[in-house]
């Protein structure tokens, strides 16, 4: 049996709050977590648009029903989520979503260098946004890892060059069930390899975007 690859045109979607114009203070690219859809994730950032910040939410290229067929037949729940990657064909998925994210950035930002750009990744999106930041294909000022950590399969030499000149924030809720001492230890080890000390921001909450905390990051 042979495994073959083929390239073809693919149309992805993304969602946006506000427009990028002369009055725009800043632009945030926000990357959702596993099982979320960008249009609903973006609603959590409405408060930024009110402060002249344009918020852009790309969406994972893989979609699936959140419940299997047997469960759907009983509950009638046809909710759909999106994912950035799984372990299956993961390197190809990473390559594809980096191409997609770079295309969104090029369309929205173009050649402008005067915008204050923040990259935020939530949960699974933290690894996605980190890989994007380290692809060295875009410019940005700040990286925010919210309820997630750096991926272990980074180019640490490139990461040292890129991230030491950036602001890196790690944000999480005290009651987040997906974060534990092991995960925090992994994050600390990865940050040390990169030669960075992220700003740690903790709030009273769980696995969520906490609006009062979000406002402190503006």
N, C-alpha and C. Protein backbone atom coordinates (compact mmCIF):
# COMPACT_ATOMS: atom_id res chain seq x y z
N UNK A 1 0.84 -1.19 0.00
CA UNK A 1 0.00 0.00 0.00
C UNK A 1 0.88 1.25 0.00
N UNK A 2 0.53 2.23 -0.80
CA UNK A 2 1.28 3.47 -0.89
C UNK A 2 0.48 4.60 -0.23
N UNK A 3 1.19 5.49 0.44
CA UNK A 3 0.58 6.73 0.91
C UNK A 3 1.08 7.86 0.02
N UNK A 4 0.16 8.57 -0.60
CA UNK A 4 0.50 9.62 -1.54
C UNK A 4 -0.05 10.96 -1.03
N UNK A 5 0.52 12.03 -1.49
CA UNK A 5 0.05 13.37 -1.14
C UNK A 5 -0.32 14.13 -2.41
N UNK A 6 -1.26 15.02 -2.27
CA UNK A 6 -1.68 15.83 -3.41
C UNK A 6 -2.00 17.23 -2.91
N UNK A 7 -1.68 18.24 -3.68
CA UNK A 7 -2.00 19.61 -3.34
C UNK A 7 -3.20 20.07 -4.16
N UNK A 8 -4.11 20.81 -3.53
CA UNK A 8 -5.26 21.33 -4.23
C UNK A 8 -5.71 22.61 -3.54
N UNK A 9 -6.54 23.38 -4.21
CA UNK A 9 -7.02 24.63 -3.63
C UNK A 9 -8.04 24.34 -2.54
N UNK A 10 -7.90 25.02 -1.39
CA UNK A 10 -8.80 24.83 -0.27
C UNK A 10 -9.24 26.20 0.23
N UNK A 11 -10.52 26.35 0.53
CA UNK A 11 -11.06 27.61 1.04
C UNK A 11 -11.38 27.48 2.52
N UNK A 12 -10.70 28.26 3.35
CA UNK A 12 -10.96 28.27 4.78
C UNK A 12 -11.73 29.52 5.16
N UNK A 13 -12.21 29.57 6.37
CA UNK A 13 -12.95 30.75 6.82
C UNK A 13 -12.36 31.29 8.12
N UNK A 14 -12.61 32.57 8.35
CA UNK A 14 -12.24 33.19 9.61
C UNK A 14 -13.23 34.30 9.90
N UNK A 15 -13.22 34.80 11.13
CA UNK A 15 -14.19 35.79 11.56
C UNK A 15 -13.45 36.99 12.15
N UNK A 16 -14.12 38.14 12.10
CA UNK A 16 -13.43 39.37 12.49
C UNK A 16 -14.38 40.32 13.20
N UNK A 17 -13.88 40.96 14.24
CA UNK A 17 -14.57 42.06 14.92
C UNK A 17 -13.87 43.35 14.56
N UNK A 18 -14.60 44.31 14.01
CA UNK A 18 -14.00 45.58 13.66
C UNK A 18 -13.28 45.54 12.33
N UNK A 19 -12.73 46.68 11.97
CA UNK A 19 -11.97 46.82 10.74
C UNK A 19 -10.61 47.43 11.05
N UNK A 20 -9.67 47.23 10.17
CA UNK A 20 -8.34 47.80 10.33
C UNK A 20 -8.29 49.09 9.53
N UNK A 21 -8.25 50.20 10.24
CA UNK A 21 -8.22 51.51 9.60
C UNK A 21 -7.31 52.45 10.34
N UNK A 22 -7.34 53.73 9.98
CA UNK A 22 -6.44 54.70 10.62
C UNK A 22 -6.65 54.82 12.12
N UNK A 23 -7.89 54.55 12.60
CA UNK A 23 -8.19 54.70 14.02
C UNK A 23 -7.88 53.43 14.83
N UNK A 24 -7.48 52.36 14.15
CA UNK A 24 -7.23 51.10 14.83
C UNK A 24 -6.02 51.21 15.75
N UNK A 25 -6.21 50.83 17.02
CA UNK A 25 -5.11 50.88 17.98
C UNK A 25 -4.22 49.65 17.87
N UNK A 26 -4.87 48.52 17.69
CA UNK A 26 -4.12 47.27 17.71
C UNK A 26 -4.93 46.19 17.02
N UNK A 27 -4.26 45.08 16.73
CA UNK A 27 -4.92 43.91 16.13
C UNK A 27 -4.55 42.69 16.96
N UNK A 28 -5.56 41.92 17.31
CA UNK A 28 -5.35 40.64 18.00
C UNK A 28 -5.77 39.51 17.08
N UNK A 29 -4.92 38.51 16.95
CA UNK A 29 -5.30 37.25 16.31
C UNK A 29 -5.55 36.26 17.44
N UNK A 30 -6.76 35.72 17.51
CA UNK A 30 -7.12 34.82 18.61
C UNK A 30 -7.40 33.43 18.04
N UNK A 31 -6.73 32.43 18.59
CA UNK A 31 -6.77 31.06 18.08
C UNK A 31 -7.53 30.19 19.08
N UNK A 32 -8.64 29.64 18.64
CA UNK A 32 -9.53 28.88 19.53
C UNK A 32 -8.94 27.53 19.93
N UNK A 33 -9.62 26.87 20.87
CA UNK A 33 -9.20 25.57 21.35
C UNK A 33 -9.90 24.42 20.65
N UNK A 34 -9.60 23.23 21.08
CA UNK A 34 -10.14 22.01 20.49
C UNK A 34 -11.66 21.95 20.67
N UNK A 35 -12.37 21.65 19.59
CA UNK A 35 -13.82 21.49 19.67
C UNK A 35 -14.61 22.78 19.64
N UNK A 36 -13.95 23.91 19.43
CA UNK A 36 -14.64 25.19 19.36
C UNK A 36 -14.79 25.64 17.91
N UNK A 37 -15.65 26.62 17.69
CA UNK A 37 -15.78 27.27 16.39
C UNK A 37 -15.43 28.74 16.55
N UNK A 38 -14.78 29.30 15.55
CA UNK A 38 -14.25 30.65 15.67
C UNK A 38 -15.33 31.70 15.89
N UNK A 39 -16.49 31.53 15.27
CA UNK A 39 -17.52 32.56 15.38
C UNK A 39 -18.03 32.71 16.81
N UNK A 40 -18.07 31.61 17.57
CA UNK A 40 -18.51 31.68 18.96
C UNK A 40 -17.37 32.07 19.88
N UNK A 41 -16.18 31.60 19.59
CA UNK A 41 -15.01 31.97 20.38
C UNK A 41 -14.78 33.48 20.30
N UNK A 42 -15.01 34.07 19.14
CA UNK A 42 -14.75 35.49 18.93
C UNK A 42 -15.64 36.36 19.81
N UNK A 43 -16.83 35.89 20.14
CA UNK A 43 -17.75 36.68 20.96
C UNK A 43 -17.16 37.01 22.33
N UNK A 44 -16.22 36.20 22.77
CA UNK A 44 -15.61 36.43 24.08
C UNK A 44 -14.70 37.66 24.07
N UNK A 45 -14.47 38.22 22.88
CA UNK A 45 -13.55 39.35 22.75
C UNK A 45 -14.27 40.63 22.31
N UNK A 46 -15.60 40.66 22.46
CA UNK A 46 -16.37 41.84 22.05
C UNK A 46 -15.87 43.11 22.72
N UNK A 47 -15.43 42.98 23.97
CA UNK A 47 -14.98 44.15 24.71
C UNK A 47 -13.75 44.81 24.07
N UNK A 48 -12.96 44.05 23.32
CA UNK A 48 -11.79 44.63 22.66
C UNK A 48 -12.19 45.54 21.50
N UNK A 49 -13.21 45.13 20.76
CA UNK A 49 -13.67 45.95 19.64
C UNK A 49 -14.12 47.33 20.13
N UNK A 50 -14.73 47.37 21.30
CA UNK A 50 -15.20 48.64 21.87
C UNK A 50 -14.04 49.58 22.19
N UNK A 51 -12.84 49.03 22.21
CA UNK A 51 -11.65 49.82 22.52
C UNK A 51 -10.75 49.98 21.29
N UNK A 52 -11.38 49.96 20.14
CA UNK A 52 -10.70 50.19 18.86
C UNK A 52 -9.62 49.16 18.57
N UNK A 53 -9.85 47.95 19.02
CA UNK A 53 -8.95 46.85 18.72
C UNK A 53 -9.66 45.91 17.75
N UNK A 54 -9.05 45.63 16.64
CA UNK A 54 -9.60 44.68 15.68
C UNK A 54 -9.20 43.26 16.11
N UNK A 55 -10.17 42.36 16.16
CA UNK A 55 -9.91 41.00 16.60
C UNK A 55 -10.24 40.03 15.47
N UNK A 56 -9.28 39.18 15.13
CA UNK A 56 -9.43 38.25 14.02
C UNK A 56 -9.32 36.83 14.55
N UNK A 57 -10.31 36.00 14.23
CA UNK A 57 -10.35 34.63 14.74
C UNK A 57 -10.33 33.63 13.58
N UNK A 58 -9.18 33.09 13.23
CA UNK A 58 -9.13 32.00 12.25
C UNK A 58 -9.78 30.75 12.84
N UNK A 59 -10.14 29.82 11.99
CA UNK A 59 -10.79 28.60 12.45
C UNK A 59 -10.03 27.37 11.99
N UNK A 60 -9.93 26.37 12.88
CA UNK A 60 -9.28 25.12 12.54
C UNK A 60 -9.86 24.51 11.27
N UNK A 61 -9.02 23.87 10.49
CA UNK A 61 -9.43 23.39 9.17
C UNK A 61 -10.18 22.06 9.21
N UNK A 62 -10.15 21.38 10.35
CA UNK A 62 -10.85 20.09 10.47
C UNK A 62 -12.10 20.26 11.33
N UNK A 63 -13.25 19.83 10.81
CA UNK A 63 -14.51 19.93 11.53
C UNK A 63 -15.07 18.54 11.81
N UNK A 64 -15.83 18.44 12.88
CA UNK A 64 -16.40 17.14 13.26
C UNK A 64 -17.57 17.37 14.20
N UNK A 65 -18.47 16.37 14.29
CA UNK A 65 -19.56 16.41 15.26
C UNK A 65 -19.00 16.16 16.65
N UNK A 66 -19.46 16.94 17.63
CA UNK A 66 -18.95 16.80 18.98
C UNK A 66 -19.42 15.51 19.64
N UNK A 67 -20.53 14.95 19.18
CA UNK A 67 -21.00 13.66 19.66
C UNK A 67 -20.99 12.65 18.52
N UNK A 68 -20.75 11.39 18.85
CA UNK A 68 -20.75 10.37 17.81
C UNK A 68 -22.17 10.10 17.32
N UNK A 69 -22.28 9.28 16.27
CA UNK A 69 -23.58 9.06 15.63
C UNK A 69 -24.60 8.45 16.59
N UNK A 70 -24.17 7.52 17.43
CA UNK A 70 -25.09 6.88 18.37
C UNK A 70 -25.64 7.89 19.37
N UNK A 71 -24.76 8.73 19.89
CA UNK A 71 -25.19 9.74 20.86
C UNK A 71 -26.10 10.78 20.21
N UNK A 72 -25.76 11.19 18.99
CA UNK A 72 -26.58 12.19 18.30
C UNK A 72 -28.00 11.70 18.07
N UNK A 73 -28.14 10.40 17.77
CA UNK A 73 -29.46 9.85 17.51
C UNK A 73 -30.34 9.89 18.75
N UNK A 74 -29.72 9.90 19.93
CA UNK A 74 -30.47 9.93 21.18
C UNK A 74 -30.71 11.35 21.66
N UNK A 75 -29.68 12.19 21.55
CA UNK A 75 -29.78 13.54 22.11
C UNK A 75 -30.24 14.59 21.10
N UNK A 76 -30.04 14.30 19.82
CA UNK A 76 -30.36 15.29 18.80
C UNK A 76 -29.35 16.42 18.73
N UNK A 77 -28.23 16.26 19.43
CA UNK A 77 -27.19 17.28 19.45
C UNK A 77 -26.34 17.18 18.20
N UNK A 78 -26.45 18.16 17.32
CA UNK A 78 -25.67 18.16 16.08
C UNK A 78 -24.59 19.23 16.09
N UNK A 79 -24.17 19.64 17.29
CA UNK A 79 -23.13 20.67 17.39
C UNK A 79 -21.82 20.18 16.75
N UNK A 80 -21.16 21.13 16.11
CA UNK A 80 -19.92 20.85 15.39
C UNK A 80 -18.79 21.65 16.03
N UNK A 81 -17.62 21.06 16.08
CA UNK A 81 -16.43 21.74 16.56
C UNK A 81 -15.33 21.67 15.52
N UNK A 82 -14.25 22.37 15.77
CA UNK A 82 -13.11 22.37 14.86
C UNK A 82 -11.84 22.02 15.62
N UNK A 83 -10.87 21.50 14.91
CA UNK A 83 -9.60 21.12 15.50
C UNK A 83 -8.47 21.60 14.60
N UNK A 84 -7.34 21.92 15.22
CA UNK A 84 -6.17 22.34 14.45
C UNK A 84 -5.36 21.14 13.97
N UNK A 85 -5.37 20.07 14.76
CA UNK A 85 -4.60 18.89 14.37
C UNK A 85 -4.91 17.75 15.32
N UNK A 86 -4.54 16.55 14.92
CA UNK A 86 -4.55 15.39 15.79
C UNK A 86 -3.20 14.70 15.59
N UNK A 87 -3.02 13.55 16.19
CA UNK A 87 -1.77 12.82 16.01
C UNK A 87 -1.67 12.21 14.61
N UNK A 88 -2.81 12.05 13.92
CA UNK A 88 -2.82 11.46 12.59
C UNK A 88 -2.36 12.48 11.55
N UNK A 89 -1.29 12.16 10.85
CA UNK A 89 -0.75 13.04 9.80
C UNK A 89 -0.48 14.44 10.35
N UNK A 90 0.03 14.50 11.58
CA UNK A 90 0.13 15.76 12.30
C UNK A 90 1.05 16.78 11.65
N UNK A 91 2.18 16.33 11.11
CA UNK A 91 3.12 17.27 10.50
C UNK A 91 2.51 17.95 9.28
N UNK A 92 1.72 17.18 8.52
CA UNK A 92 1.05 17.77 7.36
C UNK A 92 -0.03 18.75 7.81
N UNK A 93 -0.76 18.40 8.88
CA UNK A 93 -1.77 19.31 9.41
C UNK A 93 -1.13 20.61 9.87
N UNK A 94 0.01 20.52 10.54
CA UNK A 94 0.70 21.72 11.00
C UNK A 94 1.13 22.58 9.81
N UNK A 95 1.68 21.95 8.82
CA UNK A 95 2.10 22.69 7.62
C UNK A 95 0.91 23.38 6.97
N UNK A 96 -0.21 22.67 6.90
CA UNK A 96 -1.40 23.25 6.27
C UNK A 96 -1.95 24.43 7.05
N UNK A 97 -2.03 24.29 8.39
CA UNK A 97 -2.62 25.41 9.11
C UNK A 97 -1.67 26.60 9.19
N UNK A 98 -0.36 26.38 9.14
CA UNK A 98 0.56 27.52 9.10
C UNK A 98 0.41 28.28 7.78
N UNK A 99 0.25 27.55 6.69
CA UNK A 99 0.01 28.21 5.40
C UNK A 99 -1.27 29.02 5.44
N UNK A 100 -2.31 28.44 6.02
CA UNK A 100 -3.61 29.12 6.14
C UNK A 100 -3.50 30.37 7.01
N UNK A 101 -2.87 30.26 8.19
CA UNK A 101 -2.74 31.41 9.08
C UNK A 101 -1.91 32.52 8.45
N UNK A 102 -0.85 32.16 7.76
CA UNK A 102 -0.03 33.17 7.08
C UNK A 102 -0.83 33.88 5.99
N UNK A 103 -1.72 33.15 5.33
CA UNK A 103 -2.55 33.74 4.27
C UNK A 103 -3.55 34.73 4.86
N UNK A 104 -4.14 34.38 6.01
CA UNK A 104 -5.04 35.30 6.70
C UNK A 104 -4.29 36.57 7.11
N UNK A 105 -3.11 36.40 7.68
CA UNK A 105 -2.30 37.53 8.12
C UNK A 105 -1.97 38.44 6.93
N UNK A 106 -1.55 37.85 5.83
CA UNK A 106 -1.18 38.64 4.65
C UNK A 106 -2.37 39.42 4.11
N UNK A 107 -3.54 38.80 4.15
CA UNK A 107 -4.74 39.47 3.63
C UNK A 107 -5.14 40.64 4.52
N UNK A 108 -5.07 40.47 5.83
CA UNK A 108 -5.55 41.50 6.75
C UNK A 108 -4.50 42.57 7.06
N UNK A 109 -3.25 42.18 7.18
CA UNK A 109 -2.21 43.12 7.60
C UNK A 109 -1.40 43.63 6.41
N UNK A 110 -1.20 42.77 5.41
CA UNK A 110 -0.40 43.18 4.25
C UNK A 110 1.02 43.50 4.65
N UNK A 111 1.50 44.64 4.21
CA UNK A 111 2.87 45.04 4.49
C UNK A 111 2.97 46.07 5.61
N UNK A 112 1.86 46.35 6.28
CA UNK A 112 1.88 47.36 7.35
C UNK A 112 2.76 46.90 8.50
N UNK A 113 3.51 47.84 9.06
CA UNK A 113 4.38 47.56 10.19
C UNK A 113 4.08 48.46 11.39
N UNK A 114 2.99 49.22 11.30
CA UNK A 114 2.69 50.19 12.34
C UNK A 114 1.66 49.70 13.35
N UNK A 115 1.17 48.49 13.19
CA UNK A 115 0.13 47.98 14.07
C UNK A 115 0.72 47.21 15.25
N UNK A 116 0.09 47.37 16.40
CA UNK A 116 0.47 46.64 17.61
C UNK A 116 -0.25 45.29 17.57
N UNK A 117 0.47 44.23 17.28
CA UNK A 117 -0.16 42.94 17.03
C UNK A 117 0.09 41.97 18.18
N UNK A 118 -1.01 41.37 18.66
CA UNK A 118 -0.97 40.36 19.71
C UNK A 118 -1.46 39.04 19.13
N UNK A 119 -0.78 37.95 19.48
CA UNK A 119 -1.21 36.60 19.11
C UNK A 119 -1.66 35.91 20.39
N UNK A 120 -2.90 35.42 20.42
CA UNK A 120 -3.42 34.73 21.59
C UNK A 120 -3.90 33.35 21.19
N UNK A 121 -3.48 32.33 21.95
CA UNK A 121 -3.95 30.97 21.72
C UNK A 121 -4.57 30.42 22.97
N UNK A 122 -5.77 29.84 22.84
CA UNK A 122 -6.49 29.28 23.97
C UNK A 122 -6.46 27.76 23.92
N UNK A 123 -6.04 27.11 25.01
CA UNK A 123 -6.04 25.65 25.12
C UNK A 123 -5.21 25.03 23.98
N UNK A 124 -5.81 24.18 23.14
CA UNK A 124 -5.06 23.62 22.02
C UNK A 124 -4.48 24.72 21.13
N UNK A 125 -5.18 25.83 21.08
CA UNK A 125 -4.72 26.96 20.27
C UNK A 125 -3.41 27.56 20.76
N UNK A 126 -3.03 27.29 22.03
CA UNK A 126 -1.76 27.81 22.54
C UNK A 126 -0.59 27.19 21.79
N UNK A 127 -0.66 25.88 21.55
CA UNK A 127 0.40 25.22 20.78
C UNK A 127 0.38 25.70 19.33
N UNK A 128 -0.83 25.85 18.79
CA UNK A 128 -0.97 26.32 17.40
C UNK A 128 -0.36 27.69 17.22
N UNK A 129 -0.71 28.61 18.11
CA UNK A 129 -0.23 29.98 17.97
C UNK A 129 1.27 30.06 18.22
N UNK A 130 1.80 29.18 19.08
CA UNK A 130 3.24 29.17 19.33
C UNK A 130 3.99 28.74 18.08
N UNK A 131 3.51 27.70 17.42
CA UNK A 131 4.16 27.25 16.18
C UNK A 131 4.09 28.34 15.12
N UNK A 132 2.98 29.05 15.07
CA UNK A 132 2.83 30.14 14.11
C UNK A 132 3.82 31.25 14.42
N UNK A 133 3.92 31.62 15.70
CA UNK A 133 4.84 32.68 16.10
C UNK A 133 6.28 32.33 15.73
N UNK A 134 6.65 31.05 15.92
CA UNK A 134 8.03 30.64 15.66
C UNK A 134 8.29 30.28 14.20
N UNK A 135 7.26 30.37 13.36
CA UNK A 135 7.49 30.12 11.93
C UNK A 135 8.27 31.26 11.29
N UNK A 136 8.35 32.40 12.02
CA UNK A 136 9.12 33.56 11.56
C UNK A 136 8.58 34.10 10.24
N UNK A 137 7.26 33.96 10.03
CA UNK A 137 6.63 34.43 8.80
C UNK A 137 5.86 35.71 9.00
N UNK A 138 5.65 36.11 10.24
CA UNK A 138 4.85 37.29 10.56
C UNK A 138 5.56 38.10 11.64
N UNK A 139 5.11 39.33 11.82
CA UNK A 139 5.65 40.11 12.93
C UNK A 139 4.54 40.30 13.97
N UNK A 140 4.93 40.40 15.22
CA UNK A 140 4.00 40.61 16.31
C UNK A 140 4.78 41.15 17.50
N UNK A 141 4.06 41.68 18.49
CA UNK A 141 4.72 42.22 19.68
C UNK A 141 4.58 41.30 20.87
N UNK A 142 3.41 40.64 20.97
CA UNK A 142 3.11 39.90 22.19
C UNK A 142 2.48 38.55 21.87
N UNK A 143 2.85 37.54 22.65
CA UNK A 143 2.28 36.20 22.55
C UNK A 143 1.60 35.87 23.87
N UNK A 144 0.32 35.48 23.82
CA UNK A 144 -0.43 35.13 25.01
C UNK A 144 -0.86 33.66 24.91
N UNK A 145 -0.43 32.87 25.87
CA UNK A 145 -0.83 31.46 25.95
C UNK A 145 -1.86 31.37 27.06
N UNK A 146 -3.12 31.13 26.68
CA UNK A 146 -4.22 31.15 27.65
C UNK A 146 -4.72 29.72 27.83
N UNK A 147 -4.61 29.21 29.04
CA UNK A 147 -5.06 27.85 29.37
C UNK A 147 -4.37 26.80 28.52
N UNK A 148 -3.14 27.06 28.16
CA UNK A 148 -2.35 26.12 27.37
C UNK A 148 -0.88 26.43 27.50
N UNK A 149 -0.04 25.57 26.95
CA UNK A 149 1.41 25.76 27.09
C UNK A 149 2.10 25.66 25.73
N UNK A 150 3.38 25.94 25.74
CA UNK A 150 4.20 25.83 24.54
C UNK A 150 4.26 24.37 24.08
N UNK A 151 4.36 24.12 22.79
CA UNK A 151 4.53 22.74 22.32
C UNK A 151 5.98 22.29 22.48
N UNK A 152 6.22 21.02 22.77
CA UNK A 152 7.59 20.55 22.99
C UNK A 152 8.40 20.38 21.70
N UNK A 153 7.73 20.38 20.54
CA UNK A 153 8.44 20.12 19.27
C UNK A 153 8.79 21.41 18.55
N UNK A 154 9.34 22.37 19.28
CA UNK A 154 9.72 23.64 18.70
C UNK A 154 11.17 23.64 18.25
N UNK A 155 11.51 24.58 17.41
CA UNK A 155 12.89 24.86 17.07
C UNK A 155 13.39 25.84 18.14
N UNK A 156 14.09 25.32 19.14
CA UNK A 156 14.45 26.16 20.28
C UNK A 156 15.48 27.23 19.92
N UNK A 157 16.35 26.94 18.99
CA UNK A 157 17.33 27.95 18.59
C UNK A 157 16.63 29.14 17.94
N UNK A 158 15.68 28.86 17.06
CA UNK A 158 14.91 29.93 16.43
C UNK A 158 14.04 30.63 17.48
N UNK A 159 13.49 29.84 18.39
CA UNK A 159 12.64 30.41 19.43
C UNK A 159 13.37 31.40 20.31
N UNK A 160 14.62 31.09 20.64
CA UNK A 160 15.41 32.01 21.45
C UNK A 160 15.58 33.35 20.76
N UNK A 161 15.83 33.31 19.47
CA UNK A 161 16.03 34.54 18.71
C UNK A 161 14.76 35.37 18.62
N UNK A 162 13.62 34.69 18.45
CA UNK A 162 12.36 35.39 18.23
C UNK A 162 11.69 35.86 19.52
N UNK A 163 11.59 34.98 20.51
CA UNK A 163 10.75 35.27 21.66
C UNK A 163 11.43 36.13 22.71
N UNK A 164 12.76 36.14 22.76
CA UNK A 164 13.42 36.97 23.76
C UNK A 164 13.17 38.45 23.54
N UNK A 165 12.78 38.81 22.33
CA UNK A 165 12.49 40.21 22.02
C UNK A 165 10.99 40.51 22.10
N UNK A 166 10.20 39.52 22.53
CA UNK A 166 8.74 39.69 22.59
C UNK A 166 8.26 39.62 24.04
N UNK A 167 7.03 40.07 24.23
CA UNK A 167 6.36 39.88 25.51
C UNK A 167 5.58 38.57 25.45
N UNK A 168 5.80 37.69 26.42
CA UNK A 168 5.09 36.41 26.47
C UNK A 168 4.32 36.33 27.78
N UNK A 169 3.01 36.12 27.69
CA UNK A 169 2.15 35.99 28.85
C UNK A 169 1.55 34.59 28.91
N UNK A 170 1.49 34.04 30.10
CA UNK A 170 0.81 32.77 30.34
C UNK A 170 -0.35 33.06 31.28
N UNK A 171 -1.58 32.76 30.83
CA UNK A 171 -2.79 33.09 31.58
C UNK A 171 -3.58 31.82 31.85
N UNK A 172 -4.05 31.63 33.06
CA UNK A 172 -4.85 30.44 33.35
C UNK A 172 -5.69 30.65 34.61
N UNK A 173 -6.75 29.85 34.73
CA UNK A 173 -7.61 29.89 35.90
C UNK A 173 -7.11 28.94 36.97
N UNK A 174 -7.30 29.32 38.23
CA UNK A 174 -6.84 28.49 39.34
C UNK A 174 -7.50 27.11 39.35
N UNK A 175 -8.71 27.03 38.80
CA UNK A 175 -9.47 25.78 38.84
C UNK A 175 -9.55 25.11 37.47
N UNK A 176 -8.58 25.37 36.62
CA UNK A 176 -8.58 24.75 35.30
C UNK A 176 -8.29 23.25 35.43
N UNK A 177 -9.23 22.39 35.03
CA UNK A 177 -9.03 20.95 35.22
C UNK A 177 -8.01 20.35 34.27
N UNK A 178 -7.61 21.10 33.24
CA UNK A 178 -6.69 20.56 32.25
C UNK A 178 -5.23 20.93 32.53
N UNK A 179 -5.02 21.72 33.56
CA UNK A 179 -3.67 22.12 33.92
C UNK A 179 -3.34 21.57 35.30
N UNK A 180 -2.16 20.97 35.43
CA UNK A 180 -1.73 20.40 36.70
C UNK A 180 -0.24 20.66 36.89
N UNK A 181 0.33 20.15 37.96
CA UNK A 181 1.73 20.40 38.25
C UNK A 181 2.65 19.87 37.16
N UNK A 182 2.28 18.74 36.57
CA UNK A 182 3.08 18.18 35.49
C UNK A 182 3.13 19.12 34.29
N UNK A 183 1.98 19.67 33.95
CA UNK A 183 1.92 20.60 32.82
C UNK A 183 2.68 21.89 33.11
N UNK A 184 2.55 22.38 34.34
CA UNK A 184 3.29 23.59 34.71
C UNK A 184 4.79 23.33 34.67
N UNK A 185 5.19 22.15 35.12
CA UNK A 185 6.61 21.79 35.08
C UNK A 185 7.12 21.72 33.65
N UNK A 186 6.30 21.18 32.76
CA UNK A 186 6.69 21.11 31.35
C UNK A 186 6.83 22.51 30.76
N UNK A 187 5.90 23.39 31.10
CA UNK A 187 5.95 24.75 30.60
C UNK A 187 7.22 25.47 31.08
N UNK A 188 7.55 25.29 32.36
CA UNK A 188 8.74 25.92 32.90
C UNK A 188 9.99 25.43 32.20
N UNK A 189 10.07 24.12 31.96
CA UNK A 189 11.22 23.53 31.29
C UNK A 189 11.36 24.07 29.87
N UNK A 190 10.25 24.16 29.14
CA UNK A 190 10.29 24.67 27.76
C UNK A 190 10.69 26.14 27.74
N UNK A 191 10.17 26.91 28.68
CA UNK A 191 10.51 28.34 28.73
C UNK A 191 12.00 28.52 29.02
N UNK A 192 12.56 27.69 29.89
CA UNK A 192 13.99 27.78 30.20
C UNK A 192 14.83 27.46 28.97
N UNK A 193 14.40 26.47 28.18
CA UNK A 193 15.13 26.14 26.94
C UNK A 193 15.11 27.31 25.97
N UNK A 194 14.02 28.10 26.02
CA UNK A 194 13.90 29.26 25.12
C UNK A 194 14.59 30.50 25.70
N UNK A 195 14.98 30.41 26.96
CA UNK A 195 15.62 31.56 27.59
C UNK A 195 14.66 32.68 27.89
N UNK A 196 13.39 32.35 28.16
CA UNK A 196 12.39 33.38 28.43
C UNK A 196 11.76 33.13 29.80
N UNK A 197 11.21 34.21 30.37
CA UNK A 197 10.46 34.12 31.61
C UNK A 197 9.09 34.75 31.36
N UNK A 198 8.10 33.93 31.02
CA UNK A 198 6.77 34.49 30.72
C UNK A 198 6.15 35.18 31.93
N UNK A 199 5.36 36.21 31.66
CA UNK A 199 4.58 36.84 32.71
C UNK A 199 3.40 35.92 33.03
N UNK A 200 3.25 35.53 34.28
CA UNK A 200 2.19 34.61 34.68
C UNK A 200 1.02 35.40 35.26
N UNK A 201 -0.16 35.16 34.70
CA UNK A 201 -1.38 35.84 35.14
C UNK A 201 -2.40 34.78 35.52
N UNK A 202 -2.84 34.80 36.76
CA UNK A 202 -3.76 33.78 37.29
C UNK A 202 -5.06 34.46 37.71
N UNK A 203 -6.19 33.83 37.38
CA UNK A 203 -7.48 34.38 37.77
C UNK A 203 -8.32 33.31 38.48
N UNK A 204 -9.35 33.76 39.17
CA UNK A 204 -10.28 32.85 39.84
C UNK A 204 -11.26 32.32 38.80
N UNK A 205 -11.02 31.12 38.33
CA UNK A 205 -11.89 30.57 37.32
C UNK A 205 -11.35 29.25 36.82
N UNK A 206 -11.93 28.76 35.74
CA UNK A 206 -11.57 27.45 35.21
C UNK A 206 -11.02 27.58 33.79
N UNK A 207 -11.43 26.69 32.90
CA UNK A 207 -10.93 26.64 31.53
C UNK A 207 -11.77 27.57 30.67
N UNK A 208 -11.45 28.85 30.69
CA UNK A 208 -12.33 29.84 30.08
C UNK A 208 -11.56 31.12 29.78
N UNK A 209 -12.16 31.94 28.90
CA UNK A 209 -11.69 33.30 28.71
C UNK A 209 -12.40 34.16 29.74
N UNK A 210 -11.64 34.73 30.66
CA UNK A 210 -12.18 35.50 31.78
C UNK A 210 -12.07 36.98 31.43
N UNK A 211 -13.23 37.61 31.21
CA UNK A 211 -13.23 38.98 30.69
C UNK A 211 -12.49 40.00 31.56
N UNK A 212 -12.67 40.01 32.88
CA UNK A 212 -11.90 40.97 33.69
C UNK A 212 -10.40 40.81 33.51
N UNK A 213 -9.93 39.58 33.41
CA UNK A 213 -8.50 39.35 33.17
C UNK A 213 -8.11 39.81 31.78
N UNK A 214 -8.97 39.54 30.81
CA UNK A 214 -8.71 39.98 29.44
C UNK A 214 -8.51 41.49 29.38
N UNK A 215 -9.31 42.22 30.12
CA UNK A 215 -9.23 43.68 30.10
C UNK A 215 -7.89 44.19 30.64
N UNK A 216 -7.29 43.43 31.55
CA UNK A 216 -5.99 43.86 32.09
C UNK A 216 -4.88 43.74 31.07
N UNK A 217 -5.13 42.99 29.99
CA UNK A 217 -4.10 42.77 28.97
C UNK A 217 -4.16 43.78 27.83
N UNK A 218 -5.14 44.64 27.86
CA UNK A 218 -5.26 45.63 26.79
C UNK A 218 -4.17 46.68 26.96
